[in-house]
PDB file of N, CA and C in Angstrom:
ATOM      1  N   MET A   1     111.515  50.468  54.228  1.00  0.00           N
ATOM      2  CA  MET A   1     111.030  50.446  55.833  1.00  0.00           C
ATOM      3  C   MET A   1     111.525  50.709  56.989  1.00  0.00           C
ATOM      4  N   GLN A   2     112.699  51.236  56.738  1.00  0.00           N
ATOM      5  CA  GLN A   2     114.058  51.982  57.323  1.00  0.00           C
ATOM      6  C   GLN A   2     112.873  53.187  57.069  1.00  0.00           C
ATOM      7  N   THR A   3     112.590  54.093  56.395  1.00  0.00           N
ATOM      8  CA  THR A   3     112.378  55.030  56.586  1.00  0.00           C
ATOM      9  C   THR A   3     110.369  55.291  56.983  1.00  0.00           C
ATOM     10  N   LEU A   4     110.007  54.039  57.062  1.00  0.00           N
ATOM     11  CA  LEU A   4     108.756  53.591  58.022  1.00  0.00           C
ATOM     12  C   LEU A   4     109.404  53.936  59.807  1.00  0.00           C
ATOM     13  N   GLU A   5     110.463  53.230  60.416  1.00  0.00           N
ATOM     14  CA  GLU A   5     111.371  53.561  60.896  1.00  0.00           C
ATOM     15  C   GLU A   5     111.073  54.125  62.582  1.00  0.00           C
ATOM     16  N   GLU A   6     112.143  54.830  60.763  1.00  0.00           N
ATOM     17  CA  GLU A   6     112.343  56.301  61.389  1.00  0.00           C
ATOM     18  C   GLU A   6     110.842  57.703  61.638  1.00  0.00           C
ATOM     19  N   PHE A   7     110.414  57.260  60.496  1.00  0.00           N
ATOM     20  CA  PHE A   7     109.567  57.764  60.775  1.00  0.00           C
ATOM     21  C   PHE A   7     108.094  57.752  62.325  1.00  0.00           C
ATOM     22  N   SER A   8     108.501  56.427  62.598  1.00  0.00           N
ATOM     23  CA  SER A   8     107.650  55.895  63.893  1.00  0.00           C
ATOM     24  C   SER A   8     108.592  57.632  64.872  1.00  0.00           C
ATOM     25  N   HIS A   9     109.409  56.811  65.060  1.00  0.00           N
ATOM     26  CA  HIS A   9     110.396  57.441  66.354  1.00  0.00           C
ATOM     27  C   HIS A   9     110.881  58.989  65.447  1.00  0.00           C
ATOM     28  N   LEU A  10     109.912  59.778  65.340  1.00  0.00           N
ATOM     29  CA  LEU A  10     109.651  61.144  65.238  1.00  0.00           C
ATOM     30  C   LEU A  10     108.759  61.449  66.199  1.00  0.00           C
ATOM     31  N   PRO A  11     109.121  63.357  66.198  1.00  0.00           N
ATOM     32  CA  PRO A  11     107.699  63.749  67.152  1.00  0.00           C
ATOM     33  C   PRO A  11     106.429  63.765  66.670  1.00  0.00           C
ATOM     34  N   LEU A  12     105.077  63.774  67.320  1.00  0.00           N
ATOM     35  CA  LEU A  12     103.935  64.229  66.722  1.00  0.00           C
ATOM     36  C   LEU A  12     104.029  65.796  66.116  1.00  0.00           C
ATOM     37  N   GLU A  13     104.613  66.565  66.129  1.00  0.00           N
ATOM     38  CA  GLU A  13     104.756  67.562  64.892  1.00  0.00           C
ATOM     39  C   GLU A  13     105.793  67.128  64.069  1.00  0.00           C
ATOM     40  N   ASP A  14     107.039  66.644  63.893  1.00  0.00           N
ATOM     41  CA  ASP A  14     107.414  66.245  62.732  1.00  0.00           C
ATOM     42  C   ASP A  14     106.396  65.288  61.377  1.00  0.00           C
ATOM     43  N   LYS A  15     105.788  64.569  62.730  1.00  0.00           N
ATOM     44  CA  LYS A  15     104.728  63.288  61.883  1.00  0.00           C
ATOM     45  C   LYS A  15     103.996  64.014  60.782  1.00  0.00           C
ATOM     46  N   GLU A  16     103.202  65.305  61.677  1.00  0.00           N
ATOM     47  CA  GLU A  16     102.044  66.200  60.768  1.00  0.00           C
ATOM     48  C   GLU A  16     102.676  66.499  60.076  1.00  0.00           C
ATOM     49  N   TYR A  17     103.640  67.539  60.394  1.00  0.00           N
ATOM     50  CA  TYR A  17     104.601  68.378  59.080  1.00  0.00           C
ATOM     51  C   TYR A  17     105.281  66.924  57.634  1.00  0.00           C
ATOM     52  N   VAL A  18     105.456  65.571  57.553  1.00  0.00           N
ATOM     53  CA  VAL A  18     105.854  65.290  57.192  1.00  0.00           C
ATOM     54  C   VAL A  18     104.283  64.450  56.257  1.00  0.00           C
ATOM     55  N   ALA A  19     103.442  64.411  57.351  1.00  0.00           N
ATOM     56  CA  ALA A  19     101.982  63.356  56.493  1.00  0.00           C
ATOM     57  C   ALA A  19     101.635  65.295  55.569  1.00  0.00           C
ATOM     58  N   GLU A  20     102.102  66.303  56.105  1.00  0.00           N
ATOM     59  CA  GLU A  20     100.945  67.150  54.881  1.00  0.00           C
ATOM     60  C   GLU A  20     101.353  67.625  53.401  1.00  0.00           C
ATOM     61  N   ILE A  21     103.425  67.231  53.705  1.00  0.00           N
ATOM     62  CA  ILE A  21     104.439  67.075  52.601  1.00  0.00           C
ATOM     63  C   ILE A  21     103.615  66.026  51.492  1.00  0.00           C
ATOM     64  N   ILE A  22     103.713  64.327  51.949  1.00  0.00           N
ATOM     65  CA  ILE A  22     103.214  64.301  51.109  1.00  0.00           C
ATOM     66  C   ILE A  22     101.376  63.603  51.129  1.00  0.00           C
ATOM     67  N   ARG A  23     100.547  64.219  51.493  1.00  0.00           N
ATOM     68  CA  ARG A  23      99.161  64.718  50.918  1.00  0.00           C
ATOM     69  C   ARG A  23      99.447  66.350  50.195  1.00  0.00           C
ATOM     70  N   LYS A  24     100.486  66.987  49.667  1.00  0.00           N
ATOM     71  CA  LYS A  24     100.315  68.069  48.593  1.00  0.00           C
ATOM     72  C   LYS A  24     100.960  67.473  48.074  1.00  0.00           C
ATOM     73  N   GLN A  25     102.075  66.138  48.103  1.00  0.00           N
ATOM     74  CA  GLN A  25     102.339  65.507  47.056  1.00  0.00           C
ATOM     75  C   GLN A  25     102.080  64.744  45.672  1.00  0.00           C
ATOM     76  N   LEU A  26     100.605  63.837  46.716  1.00  0.00           N
ATOM     77  CA  LEU A  26      99.878  63.479  46.120  1.00  0.00           C
ATOM     78  C   LEU A  26      98.989  63.669  45.391  1.00  0.00           C
ATOM     79  N   ILE A  27      97.864  65.127  45.983  1.00  0.00           N
ATOM     80  CA  ILE A  27      97.109  66.115  45.362  1.00  0.00           C
ATOM     81  C   ILE A  27      97.380  65.773  43.894  1.00  0.00           C
ATOM     82  N   GLU A  28      99.527  66.785  44.088  1.00  0.00           N
ATOM     83  CA  GLU A  28      99.803  67.794  42.886  1.00  0.00           C
ATOM     84  C   GLU A  28     100.044  66.331  41.981  1.00  0.00           C
ATOM     85  N   VAL A  29     100.908  65.117  42.179  1.00  0.00           N
ATOM     86  CA  VAL A  29     100.379  63.412  40.912  1.00  0.00           C
ATOM     87  C   VAL A  29      98.730  63.764  40.552  1.00  0.00           C
ATOM     88  N   LYS A  30      98.109  63.649  42.180  1.00  0.00           N
ATOM     89  CA  LYS A  30      96.678  63.616  41.317  1.00  0.00           C
ATOM     90  C   LYS A  30      96.556  64.350  40.084  1.00  0.00           C
ATOM     91  N   ARG A  31      96.373  66.136  40.231  1.00  0.00           N
ATOM     92  CA  ARG A  31      96.348  67.932  39.270  1.00  0.00           C
ATOM     93  C   ARG A  31      96.927  66.651  38.719  1.00  0.00           C
ATOM     94  N   GLU A  32      97.953  66.562  38.099  1.00  0.00           N
ATOM     95  CA  GLU A  32      99.568  66.156  36.673  1.00  0.00           C
ATOM     96  C   GLU A  32      98.555  65.296  36.538  1.00  0.00           C
ATOM     97  N   ARG A  33      98.006  64.417  36.432  1.00  0.00           N
ATOM     98  CA  ARG A  33      97.069  63.262  35.719  1.00  0.00           C
ATOM     99  C   ARG A  33      96.288  63.388  35.222  1.00  0.00           C
ATOM    100  N   LEU A  34      95.559  64.289  36.179  1.00  0.00           N
ATOM    101  CA  LEU A  34      94.097  65.139  35.535  1.00  0.00           C
ATOM    102  C   LEU A  34      94.082  66.102  33.806  1.00  0.00           C
ATOM    103  N   ALA A  35      95.823  66.462  34.872  1.00  0.00           N
ATOM    104  CA  ALA A  35      95.424  67.419  33.387  1.00  0.00           C
ATOM    105  C   ALA A  35      96.142  66.679  31.930  1.00  0.00           C
ATOM    106  N   GLU A  36      97.089  65.746  32.205  1.00  0.00           N
ATOM    107  CA  GLU A  36      97.152  64.749  31.283  1.00  0.00           C
ATOM    108  C   GLU A  36      96.554  64.313  30.544  1.00  0.00           C
ATOM    109  N   ARG A  37      94.665  64.177  31.227  1.00  0.00           N
ATOM    110  CA  ARG A  37      93.493  63.320  30.666  1.00  0.00           C
ATOM    111  C   ARG A  37      92.811  63.874  29.886  1.00  0.00           C
ATOM    112  N   ALA A  38      92.914  65.273  30.572  1.00  0.00           N
ATOM    113  CA  ALA A  38      92.063  66.413  29.926  1.00  0.00           C
ATOM    114  C   ALA A  38      92.701  66.859  28.755  1.00  0.00           C
ATOM    115  N   GLU A  39      94.637  66.823  28.538  1.00  0.00           N
ATOM    116  CA  GLU A  39      94.554  67.188  26.988  1.00  0.00           C
ATOM    117  C   GLU A  39      94.173  66.446  26.372  1.00  0.00           C
ATOM    118  N   GLU A  40      94.817  65.231  26.423  1.00  0.00           N
ATOM    119  CA  GLU A  40      93.935  63.708  25.853  1.00  0.00           C
ATOM    120  C   GLU A  40      92.002  63.411  25.460  1.00  0.00           C
ATOM    121  N   ALA A  41      92.194  64.092  25.860  1.00  0.00           N
ATOM    122  CA  ALA A  41      90.743  64.566  25.578  1.00  0.00           C
ATOM    123  C   ALA A  41      90.402  65.764  24.876  1.00  0.00           C
ATOM    124  N   ARG A  42      90.861  66.411  25.207  1.00  0.00           N
ATOM    125  CA  ARG A  42      90.793  67.683  24.215  1.00  0.00           C
ATOM    126  C   ARG A  42      91.052  66.975  22.722  1.00  0.00           C
ATOM    127  N   MET A  43      92.749  66.143  22.700  1.00  0.00           N
ATOM    128  CA  MET A  43      93.238  65.738  21.423  1.00  0.00           C
ATOM    129  C   MET A  43      92.017  65.045  21.011  1.00  0.00           C
ATOM    130  N   ASN A  44      92.000  64.101  21.032  1.00  0.00           N
ATOM    131  CA  ASN A  44      91.033  63.159  21.261  1.00  0.00           C
ATOM    132  C   ASN A  44      89.966  63.778  19.830  1.00  0.00           C
ATOM    133  N   LEU A  45      89.029  65.147  20.638  1.00  0.00           N
ATOM    134  CA  LEU A  45      87.725  66.243  20.515  1.00  0.00           C
ATOM    135  C   LEU A  45      88.242  66.810  18.900  1.00  0.00           C
ATOM    136  N   GLU A  46      89.654  67.089  19.195  1.00  0.00           N
ATOM    137  CA  GLU A  46      89.549  68.156  17.700  1.00  0.00           C
ATOM    138  C   GLU A  46      90.469  66.552  16.853  1.00  0.00           C
ATOM    139  N   GLN A  47      90.579  65.258  16.774  1.00  0.00           N
ATOM    140  CA  GLN A  47      90.603  64.406  16.435  1.00  0.00           C
ATOM    141  C   GLN A  47      89.495  63.656  15.669  1.00  0.00           C
ATOM    142  N   GLY A  48      88.742  64.340  16.388  1.00  0.00           N
ATOM    143  CA  GLY A  48      86.764  63.361  15.474  1.00  0.00           C
ATOM    144  C   GLY A  48      86.741  62.275  16.244  1.00  0.00           C
ATOM    145  N   ALA A  49      87.672  61.385  17.269  1.00  0.00           N
ATOM    146  CA  ALA A  49      88.029  59.985  17.936  1.00  0.00           C
ATOM    147  C   ALA A  49      86.808  60.288  18.748  1.00  0.00           C
ATOM    148  N   VAL A  50      85.885  61.316  19.054  1.00  0.00           N
ATOM    149  CA  VAL A  50      85.111  60.767  20.519  1.00  0.00           C
ATOM    150  C   VAL A  50      83.219  61.593  19.963  1.00  0.00           C
ATOM    151  N   LYS A  51      82.403  60.475  20.012  1.00  0.00           N
ATOM    152  CA  LYS A  51      81.422  60.123  19.619  1.00  0.00           C
ATOM    153  C   LYS A  51      80.416  61.797  21.000  1.00  0.00           C
ATOM    154  N   THR A  52      79.084  62.357  19.963  1.00  0.00           N
ATOM    155  CA  THR A  52      79.096  63.714  20.634  1.00  0.00           C
ATOM    156  C   THR A  52      77.194  63.502  21.229  1.00  0.00           C
ATOM    157  N   GLY A  53      76.122  63.116  22.253  1.00  0.00           N
ATOM    158  CA  GLY A  53      75.030  62.821  21.330  1.00  0.00           C
ATOM    159  C   GLY A  53      74.096  63.144  22.757  1.00  0.00           C
ATOM    160  N   THR A  54      72.977  62.073  22.777  1.00  0.00           N
ATOM    161  CA  THR A  54      72.616  61.889  24.257  1.00  0.00           C
ATOM    162  C   THR A  54      72.648  61.199  24.970  1.00  0.00           C
ATOM    163  N   VAL A  55      72.110  60.788  26.486  1.00  0.00           N
ATOM    164  CA  VAL A  55      72.143  59.892  27.309  1.00  0.00           C
ATOM    165  C   VAL A  55      71.342  58.561  26.397  1.00  0.00           C
ATOM    166  N   LYS A  56      70.033  58.998  25.513  1.00  0.00           N
ATOM    167  CA  LYS A  56      69.401  57.730  25.217  1.00  0.00           C
ATOM    168  C   LYS A  56      71.039  57.327  23.573  1.00  0.00           C
ATOM    169  N   ASP A  57      71.347  58.672  23.060  1.00  0.00           N
ATOM    170  CA  ASP A  57      72.281  57.501  21.926  1.00  0.00           C
ATOM    171  C   ASP A  57      73.553  57.258  23.041  1.00  0.00           C
ATOM    172  N   LEU A  58      73.603  57.592  23.486  1.00  0.00           N
ATOM    173  CA  LEU A  58      75.053  56.784  24.421  1.00  0.00           C
ATOM    174  C   LEU A  58      74.119  54.738  24.699  1.00  0.00           C
ATOM    175  N   MET A  59      72.465  55.048  25.206  1.00  0.00           N
ATOM    176  CA  MET A  59      72.172  53.691  25.453  1.00  0.00           C
ATOM    177  C   MET A  59      71.951  52.824  24.277  1.00  0.00           C
ATOM    178  N   GLU A  60      71.437  53.221  23.268  1.00  0.00           N
ATOM    179  CA  GLU A  60      71.586  52.624  21.389  1.00  0.00           C
ATOM    180  C   GLU A  60      72.644  52.094  21.419  1.00  0.00           C
ATOM    181  N   ASP A  61      73.872  52.743  22.112  1.00  0.00           N
ATOM    182  CA  ASP A  61      74.709  52.471  21.437  1.00  0.00           C
ATOM    183  C   ASP A  61      74.983  50.996  22.056  1.00  0.00           C
ATOM    184  N   LEU A  62      74.797  51.661  23.440  1.00  0.00           N
ATOM    185  CA  LEU A  62      74.825  50.184  24.766  1.00  0.00           C
ATOM    186  C   LEU A  62      74.780  49.718  24.441  1.00  0.00           C
ATOM    187  N   ASP A  63      73.260  49.644  24.004  1.00  0.00           N
ATOM    188  CA  ASP A  63      72.530  48.302  23.608  1.00  0.00           C
ATOM    189  C   ASP A  63      73.262  47.257  22.435  1.00  0.00           C
ATOM    190  N   ARG A  64      74.046  47.992  21.370  1.00  0.00           N
ATOM    191  CA  ARG A  64      73.933  47.642  19.974  1.00  0.00           C
ATOM    192  C   ARG A  64      75.219  46.662  20.307  1.00  0.00           C
ATOM    193  N   ASP A  65      76.427  46.871  21.792  1.00  0.00           N
ATOM    194  CA  ASP A  65      78.077  46.846  21.120  1.00  0.00           C
ATOM    195  C   ASP A  65      77.191  45.850  21.865  1.00  0.00           C
TER     196      ASP A  65
END
């Protein structure tokens, strides 16, 4: 909470700068998570742990569950 208190005392230009840094860091974290998910999906595909098919096939699988 001390950080928020200090932030509230910054001039507008500095607040905008800090906000931009935080926004870029969030984008980077999301990018890293997406890359991890893509790698996981690639590994699952290589291991044959995924199914392929049409939307109809998917709907039939869902109906069986």
